[in-house]
Amino acid sequence: MNILINDHPSELQEGATLADAIAQARPRPPYAAAVNKAFVPRTAYVTTPLAEGDRIELIAPVTGG
């Protein structure tokens, strides 16, 4: 299936989860994840199924004042 990870096209097998997409993207921790603009708690990464056309955002925290 074709998805977007941080606006970059990516291909995953059917039945893939958010955890699979994160493993493929290999972001540097710490980060938060969202699917189609909806925040997903870390505990739900392995149980969050993905579908064709989903948009995944992996967001690093920004600090400062």
Protein backbone atom coordinates (compact mmCIF):
# COMPACT_ATOMS: atom_id res chain seq x y z
CA MET A 1 0.00 0.00 0.00
CA ASN A 2 1.13 3.57 -0.61
CA ILE A 3 1.23 6.05 2.25
CA LEU A 4 2.96 9.32 3.08
CA ILE A 5 5.42 9.64 5.95
CA ASN A 6 6.18 13.30 6.67
CA ASP A 7 5.02 14.09 3.11
CA HIS A 8 7.39 11.52 1.55
CA PRO A 9 5.84 8.64 -0.42
CA SER A 10 6.42 5.26 1.14
CA GLU A 11 5.26 1.74 0.38
CA LEU A 12 4.27 -0.84 3.00
CA GLN A 13 2.75 -4.30 2.84
CA GLU A 14 -1.01 -4.65 3.21
CA GLY A 15 -1.92 -5.08 6.86
CA ALA A 16 0.93 -2.83 8.05
CA THR A 17 0.62 -0.93 11.31
CA LEU A 18 1.91 2.42 12.46
CA ALA A 19 4.77 0.56 14.15
CA ASP A 20 5.80 -0.82 10.73
CA ALA A 21 5.81 2.66 9.20
CA ILE A 22 7.89 4.01 12.08
CA ALA A 23 10.37 1.14 11.72
CA GLN A 24 10.73 1.96 8.03
CA ALA A 25 11.19 5.70 8.65
CA ARG A 26 13.66 5.21 11.54
CA PRO A 27 13.08 8.59 13.22
CA ARG A 28 15.43 9.80 15.96
CA PRO A 29 13.73 9.72 19.37
CA PRO A 30 11.99 11.44 20.93
CA TYR A 31 9.04 11.86 18.58
CA ALA A 32 5.26 11.77 18.54
CA ALA A 33 3.17 10.14 15.82
CA ALA A 34 -0.08 11.05 14.12
CA VAL A 35 -2.12 9.29 11.45
CA ASN A 36 -4.27 11.56 9.31
CA LYS A 37 -3.70 14.38 11.82
CA ALA A 38 -4.90 12.30 14.79
CA PHE A 39 -2.35 11.76 17.59
CA VAL A 40 -1.63 8.09 18.34
CA PRO A 41 -0.25 7.17 21.78
CA ARG A 42 3.00 5.17 21.74
CA THR A 43 1.20 2.22 23.35
CA ALA A 44 -1.09 1.97 20.29
CA TYR A 45 1.57 1.99 17.54
CA VAL A 46 1.49 -1.80 17.09
CA THR A 47 -2.31 -1.97 17.05
CA THR A 48 -2.98 1.00 14.74
CA PRO A 49 -3.66 -0.35 11.25
CA LEU A 50 -2.78 1.71 8.20
CA ALA A 51 -4.73 2.03 4.95
CA GLU A 52 -3.92 3.10 1.41
CA GLY A 53 -3.32 6.86 1.28
CA ASP A 54 -2.83 7.40 5.03
CA ARG A 55 -0.67 10.34 6.04
CA ILE A 56 1.73 9.67 8.92
CA GLU A 57 3.48 12.52 10.69
CA LEU A 58 6.46 11.84 12.94
CA ILE A 59 7.02 14.99 14.95
CA ALA A 60 10.06 15.88 17.00
CA PRO A 61 9.53 18.12 20.03
CA VAL A 62 10.72 21.70 19.80
CA THR A 63 12.12 23.40 22.87
CA GLY A 64 12.96 26.96 23.55
CA GLY A 65 11.29 30.11 24.54
